[in-house]
Protein backbone atom coordinates (compact mmCIF):
# COMPACT_ATOMS: atom_id res chain seq x y z
CA MET A 1 -6.52 -5.59 -111.37
CA GLU A 2 -5.88 -2.75 -109.39
CA LYS A 3 -2.66 -3.75 -107.31
CA VAL A 4 -3.43 -4.35 -103.52
CA GLN A 5 -1.10 -2.42 -100.64
CA ARG A 6 0.84 -4.58 -99.10
CA GLN A 7 0.27 -4.34 -95.06
CA ARG A 8 3.33 -5.12 -93.13
CA GLY A 9 4.85 -4.41 -89.56
CA LEU A 10 8.09 -2.62 -89.21
CA GLY A 11 10.09 -5.78 -87.45
CA ARG A 12 10.35 -8.54 -90.32
CA GLY A 13 8.86 -6.43 -93.12
CA LEU A 14 11.44 -3.71 -93.12
CA SER A 15 14.00 -6.54 -91.96
CA ALA A 16 13.10 -7.74 -95.90
CA LEU A 17 13.63 -4.47 -97.63
CA MET A 18 16.93 -3.32 -96.26
CA ALA A 19 18.10 -6.92 -97.25
CA ASP A 20 16.80 -6.62 -100.81
CA VAL A 21 18.28 -3.05 -100.52
CA ASN A 22 22.07 -4.48 -99.21
CA ASP A 23 21.70 -7.47 -101.84
CA ARG A 24 21.21 -5.11 -104.48
CA SER A 25 24.41 -3.27 -103.78
CA THR A 26 26.72 -5.75 -102.92
CA THR A 27 27.47 -9.58 -103.81
CA GLY A 28 28.12 -12.65 -101.60
CA ASP A 29 31.99 -11.58 -101.40
CA ASN A 30 31.64 -7.78 -101.06
CA LYS A 31 32.44 -6.77 -104.22
CA PRO A 32 29.72 -4.17 -105.53
CA ARG A 33 27.07 -5.25 -108.21
CA GLN A 34 26.89 -3.73 -111.37
CA PRO A 35 24.13 -1.17 -112.07
CA ASP A 36 20.82 -2.05 -113.79
CA SER A 37 21.85 1.62 -115.66
CA MET A 38 24.15 4.58 -115.85
CA VAL A 39 21.65 7.39 -115.84
CA PRO A 40 22.04 11.21 -116.44
CA ILE A 41 22.96 13.10 -113.13
CA GLU A 42 20.30 15.91 -113.94
CA SER A 43 17.24 13.23 -114.36
CA ILE A 44 17.80 12.19 -110.01
CA VAL A 45 16.02 14.43 -107.40
CA ALA A 46 16.63 13.72 -103.90
CA ASN A 47 13.71 12.50 -101.49
CA PRO A 48 12.14 15.79 -99.90
CA ASP A 49 11.43 13.37 -96.60
CA GLN A 50 15.22 12.26 -96.43
CA PRO A 51 15.35 12.73 -92.19
CA ARG A 52 19.25 13.86 -92.61
CA ARG A 53 19.35 17.81 -93.59
CA ARG A 54 23.04 18.60 -92.80
CA PHE A 55 25.50 17.56 -94.79
CA ASP A 56 29.63 17.99 -93.64
CA LEU A 57 31.04 19.67 -96.53
CA ASP A 58 34.65 18.32 -95.22
CA LEU A 59 33.40 14.82 -95.98
CA LEU A 60 31.24 15.54 -99.14
CA ASN A 61 34.36 17.51 -100.75
CA ASP A 62 36.64 13.97 -99.54
CA LEU A 63 34.18 11.93 -101.31
CA ALA A 64 33.98 14.20 -104.03
CA ALA A 65 37.19 14.08 -105.12
CA SER A 66 37.44 10.09 -104.40
CA ILE A 67 34.61 9.58 -106.61
CA LYS A 68 36.78 12.08 -109.17
CA GLU A 69 39.23 9.96 -108.75
CA LYS A 70 37.84 6.25 -108.91
CA GLY A 71 33.99 7.00 -109.79
CA ILE A 72 31.37 5.65 -108.12
CA ILE A 73 31.87 2.35 -106.53
CA GLN A 74 28.51 1.65 -104.96
CA PRO A 75 25.44 1.90 -107.18
CA LEU A 76 22.68 4.98 -105.65
CA ILE A 77 19.34 2.99 -105.05
CA VAL A 78 16.59 4.85 -106.45
CA ARG A 79 12.72 4.11 -107.81
CA HIS A 80 11.32 5.89 -110.97
CA LYS A 81 9.81 9.12 -110.50
CA GLY A 82 8.12 10.90 -113.12
CA ASP A 83 10.40 11.06 -115.85
CA GLY A 84 12.93 10.80 -113.95
CA TYR A 85 14.44 9.03 -110.80
CA GLU A 86 14.48 10.09 -107.04
CA ILE A 87 16.84 8.69 -104.76
CA VAL A 88 15.86 5.80 -102.10
CA ALA A 89 19.62 5.82 -100.60
CA GLY A 90 22.76 7.39 -101.59
CA GLU A 91 21.67 11.11 -101.47
CA ARG A 92 25.31 12.01 -100.34
CA ARG A 93 26.93 10.08 -103.43
CA TRP A 94 24.54 11.95 -105.42
CA ARG A 95 25.47 15.36 -103.90
CA ALA A 96 29.60 14.49 -103.81
CA ALA A 97 29.11 13.31 -107.74
CA GLN A 98 27.65 16.99 -108.78
CA GLN A 99 30.79 18.43 -107.03
CA ALA A 100 32.83 16.03 -109.35
CA ASN A 101 31.08 17.29 -112.45
CA LEU A 102 29.87 13.50 -113.34
CA HIS A 103 27.30 13.44 -115.99
CA LYS A 104 25.87 10.09 -115.63
CA ILE A 105 26.04 7.89 -112.27
CA PRO A 106 25.42 4.22 -111.77
CA VAL A 107 22.04 2.96 -110.25
CA VAL A 108 19.93 0.06 -109.12
CA ILE A 109 16.24 0.67 -109.87
CA ARG A 110 13.43 -0.53 -107.39
CA ASP A 111 9.80 -0.46 -107.14
CA PHE A 112 9.37 0.96 -103.54
CA ASP A 113 5.86 3.08 -102.40
CA ASP A 114 5.82 6.35 -100.46
CA THR A 115 5.77 4.20 -97.29
CA GLU A 116 8.90 2.16 -97.65
CA VAL A 117 11.01 5.05 -99.18
CA LEU A 118 10.51 6.88 -96.17
CA GLU A 119 11.14 3.87 -93.53
CA ILE A 120 14.09 2.71 -95.63
CA ALA A 121 15.65 6.48 -95.67
CA ILE A 122 15.09 7.05 -92.24
CA ILE A 123 16.47 3.48 -91.07
CA GLU A 124 19.42 3.01 -93.04
CA ASN A 125 20.42 6.85 -91.87
CA ILE A 126 19.82 5.52 -87.88
CA GLN A 127 21.28 2.03 -88.61
CA ARG A 128 24.68 3.66 -90.35
CA ALA A 129 24.76 6.74 -87.38
CA ASP A 130 24.47 9.55 -90.03
CA LEU A 131 21.98 11.39 -88.19
CA ASN A 132 22.98 14.14 -85.23
CA PRO A 133 20.61 13.29 -82.41
CA VAL A 134 18.02 15.91 -83.54
CA GLU A 135 17.89 14.29 -86.68
CA GLU A 136 17.64 10.77 -85.35
CA ALA A 137 14.51 12.09 -82.62
CA ALA A 138 12.97 13.65 -86.00
CA GLY A 139 12.73 10.19 -87.51
CA TYR A 140 11.63 7.99 -84.45
CA VAL A 141 8.76 10.83 -84.69
CA GLN A 142 8.30 9.99 -88.33
CA LEU A 143 7.94 6.33 -88.14
CA MET A 144 5.63 6.33 -85.44
CA THR A 145 3.21 9.58 -86.29
CA LYS A 146 2.99 8.27 -90.14
CA PHE A 147 3.35 4.61 -89.41
CA GLY A 148 1.64 4.27 -86.38
CA HIS A 149 4.77 1.90 -85.36
CA THR A 150 5.40 1.58 -81.30
CA GLN A 151 8.27 2.68 -79.17
CA GLU A 152 8.77 -1.16 -78.24
CA LYS A 153 8.75 -2.30 -82.17
CA LEU A 154 11.43 0.17 -83.05
CA ALA A 155 13.68 -0.80 -80.34
CA GLU A 156 13.07 -4.38 -81.98
CA ALA A 157 13.50 -3.43 -85.47
CA LEU A 158 16.76 -0.93 -84.86
CA GLY A 159 18.74 -3.45 -82.26
CA LYS A 160 18.37 -0.33 -79.92
CA SER A 161 16.85 0.22 -76.16
CA ARG A 162 13.57 1.60 -75.84
CA SER A 163 14.78 4.02 -73.35
CA HIS A 164 17.51 5.04 -75.82
CA ILE A 165 14.55 5.70 -78.24
CA ALA A 166 12.37 7.51 -75.87
CA ASN A 167 15.34 9.38 -74.61
CA THR A 168 16.32 11.04 -78.07
CA MET A 169 12.58 11.44 -79.15
CA ARG A 170 12.51 13.99 -76.17
CA LEU A 171 15.03 16.27 -78.04
CA MET A 172 11.80 17.26 -79.98
CA GLN A 173 10.52 19.06 -76.64
CA LEU A 174 12.96 21.37 -76.56
CA PRO A 175 12.97 24.95 -78.06
CA GLU A 176 14.21 25.02 -82.07
CA GLU A 177 17.46 26.94 -80.90
CA VAL A 178 18.86 24.07 -78.73
CA GLN A 179 17.94 21.57 -81.18
CA ASP A 180 20.27 23.73 -83.59
CA PHE A 181 22.76 24.06 -80.53
CA VAL A 182 22.73 19.89 -80.98
CA THR A 183 22.74 20.20 -84.68
CA GLU A 184 25.61 22.08 -84.64
CA GLY A 185 27.76 19.89 -82.34
CA LYS A 186 27.88 22.94 -79.58
CA LEU A 187 25.54 20.40 -77.48
CA THR A 188 25.42 17.24 -76.81
CA ALA A 189 22.56 15.03 -76.71
CA GLY A 190 23.48 14.57 -72.97
CA HIS A 191 23.63 18.06 -72.26
CA ALA A 192 20.00 18.51 -73.93
CA ARG A 193 18.03 16.36 -72.02
CA THR A 194 19.63 17.58 -69.42
CA LEU A 195 17.87 21.35 -70.10
CA ILE A 196 14.29 19.48 -70.91
CA THR A 197 13.27 20.09 -67.57
CA SER A 198 14.35 23.73 -67.04
CA VAL A 199 12.14 26.71 -67.34
CA ASP A 200 14.70 28.48 -69.37
CA PRO A 201 16.65 26.13 -71.92
CA ILE A 202 17.57 28.43 -74.13
CA ALA A 203 19.53 30.63 -71.66
CA LEU A 204 21.18 27.78 -69.67
CA ALA A 205 21.98 26.39 -72.96
CA ARG A 206 24.33 29.47 -73.58
CA LYS A 207 25.70 29.22 -70.32
CA VAL A 208 26.49 25.45 -71.06
CA ILE A 209 28.53 26.52 -74.38
CA ALA A 210 29.99 29.73 -73.19
CA GLY A 211 31.37 27.76 -70.05
CA ASP A 212 31.72 24.81 -71.70
CA LEU A 213 30.24 22.69 -68.78
CA SER A 214 29.95 19.16 -68.58
CA VAL A 215 26.87 17.03 -68.22
CA ARG A 216 27.13 16.79 -64.73
CA ASP A 217 27.63 20.69 -64.31
CA THR A 218 25.02 20.97 -66.56
CA GLU A 219 22.55 19.09 -64.04
CA LYS A 220 23.91 21.07 -60.98
CA LEU A 221 22.83 24.15 -62.80
CA VAL A 222 19.16 23.08 -64.03
CA ARG A 223 18.87 22.31 -60.45
CA LYS A 224 20.21 25.51 -59.38
CA ALA A 225 18.18 27.60 -61.42
CA ALA A 226 14.80 25.05 -60.20
CA GLY A 227 15.84 26.16 -56.92
CA ALA A 228 15.91 29.68 -57.79
CA GLY A 229 12.46 30.17 -59.46
CA ALA A 230 11.12 27.88 -56.75
CA GLN A 231 12.38 30.69 -53.89
CA GLU A 232 11.16 33.51 -55.81
CA GLY A 233 7.77 32.05 -56.43
CA ALA A 234 7.03 30.50 -52.87
CA ALA A 235 8.25 31.11 -49.63
CA LYS A 236 8.49 27.38 -48.40
CA PRO A 237 11.81 25.93 -48.46
CA ILE A 238 12.67 23.51 -51.14
CA SER A 239 12.48 19.45 -50.99
CA ARG A 240 14.49 16.97 -53.22
CA ARG A 241 11.16 16.15 -54.54
CA ASN A 242 10.58 19.65 -56.28
CA VAL A 243 14.12 18.95 -58.09
CA PRO A 244 13.40 17.46 -61.26
CA LYS A 245 15.13 13.91 -61.99
CA SER A 246 17.62 13.87 -65.20
CA ALA A 247 15.99 12.50 -68.29
CA ASP A 248 18.46 9.82 -68.14
CA THR A 249 16.80 8.71 -64.37
CA LYS A 250 13.85 8.83 -65.85
CA ALA A 251 14.05 6.57 -68.93
CA LEU A 252 15.83 4.12 -66.02
CA GLU A 253 12.66 4.55 -64.38
CA ASP A 254 10.39 3.58 -67.15
CA ASP A 255 12.27 0.88 -68.39
CA LEU A 256 12.52 -1.21 -65.00
CA SER A 257 8.90 -0.41 -64.43
CA ALA A 258 8.05 -1.56 -68.14
CA ASN A 259 9.98 -4.95 -66.94
CA LEU A 260 9.00 -5.65 -63.77
CA LYS A 261 5.11 -4.25 -64.45
CA MET A 262 5.18 -2.31 -61.40
CA LYS A 263 6.32 1.30 -60.48
CA VAL A 264 9.60 2.11 -59.74
CA SER A 265 11.12 5.36 -58.55
CA ILE A 266 14.86 5.93 -58.21
CA ASP A 267 16.40 8.55 -56.01
CA HIS A 268 20.02 9.07 -56.50
CA LYS A 269 21.45 11.82 -54.16
CA ASP A 270 23.76 14.77 -55.27
CA GLY A 271 27.46 14.20 -55.54
CA ALA A 272 27.21 10.78 -54.57
CA GLU A 273 27.22 7.08 -56.07
CA ALA A 274 24.46 6.31 -53.55
CA GLY A 275 20.96 6.04 -53.97
CA SER A 276 17.69 4.05 -53.18
CA ILE A 277 15.69 2.52 -55.38
CA THR A 278 11.16 2.38 -54.43
CA ILE A 279 9.22 -0.49 -56.26
CA SER A 280 5.53 -0.11 -55.49
CA TYR A 281 3.00 -2.98 -55.97
CA THR A 282 -0.63 -3.30 -55.90
CA SER A 283 -1.73 -6.69 -55.12
CA LEU A 284 -0.02 -9.56 -52.96
CA ASP A 285 0.19 -11.46 -56.29
CA ASP A 286 2.56 -8.54 -57.32
CA LEU A 287 4.57 -8.82 -53.99
CA ASP A 288 4.65 -12.66 -54.72
CA THR A 289 6.18 -12.17 -58.02
CA LEU A 290 8.51 -9.63 -56.78
CA CYS A 291 9.81 -12.04 -54.57
CA LYS A 292 10.21 -14.70 -56.58
CA MET A 293 12.32 -12.73 -59.04
CA ILE A 294 14.74 -11.46 -56.40
CA SER A 295 15.14 -14.72 -54.88
CA GLY A 296 15.97 -15.79 -58.18
CA GLY A 297 12.50 -17.95 -58.65
CA LYS A 298 12.83 -19.74 -55.55
């Protein structure tokens, strides 16, 4: 009988998958489990959909030295692939084992389909903070485009805020060169998010790196560039409405709007700790609900 593909959502289904991987890797007293097999290292291949594209060479060398001295303590999680195996979790250990010239490595063999392998690879890296912000953003995009997961479902399953996921995904809107600056650690995610609304993010990114500017200084640079561009293109004076809001402010507006079910606008005054919040309601029922929220339900 043909095997029926299981249909499941991200939340509990993925939690069960990750628990299965973890249970197979460690015992209740946190001691490593015995591997299912010791297999030739050349029979193992990497997962081509692995979201992490860069591996820190110094950390890899340290791990290789440790493996050479003590061996691989925690087995890799693999699945059957052709005549060999494909990595589900543990690619860094596999790479380090190659550097350490091991001929066989310990593995736990699991029966995961393509969807489960990709989800585990992405989620495991995100949960362990092994991805840089651009790789993390690409992982979220994969989970949403390939599997149809929403930001809300991702936030619930990963224990992260929806605004964090939305903000991180916005990094994919930047030119590849700016994304590379983030990947290489030349720019932080905060710097990069600020550049998203700029007309020429590459040029501004180079200025930020050259001047070692803070995120706050980067925001000022973006506003200054926007103001200069508006003056060149139009004779009318620039109002605050024409100045783009920071990505963090927009994310906060989205979060508040989602929670209140009403449109929320935040106007933060430059160089100050003050500002204003505007909440727009579309009916008297909305106004009544809002009043009850503010007054504590009384």
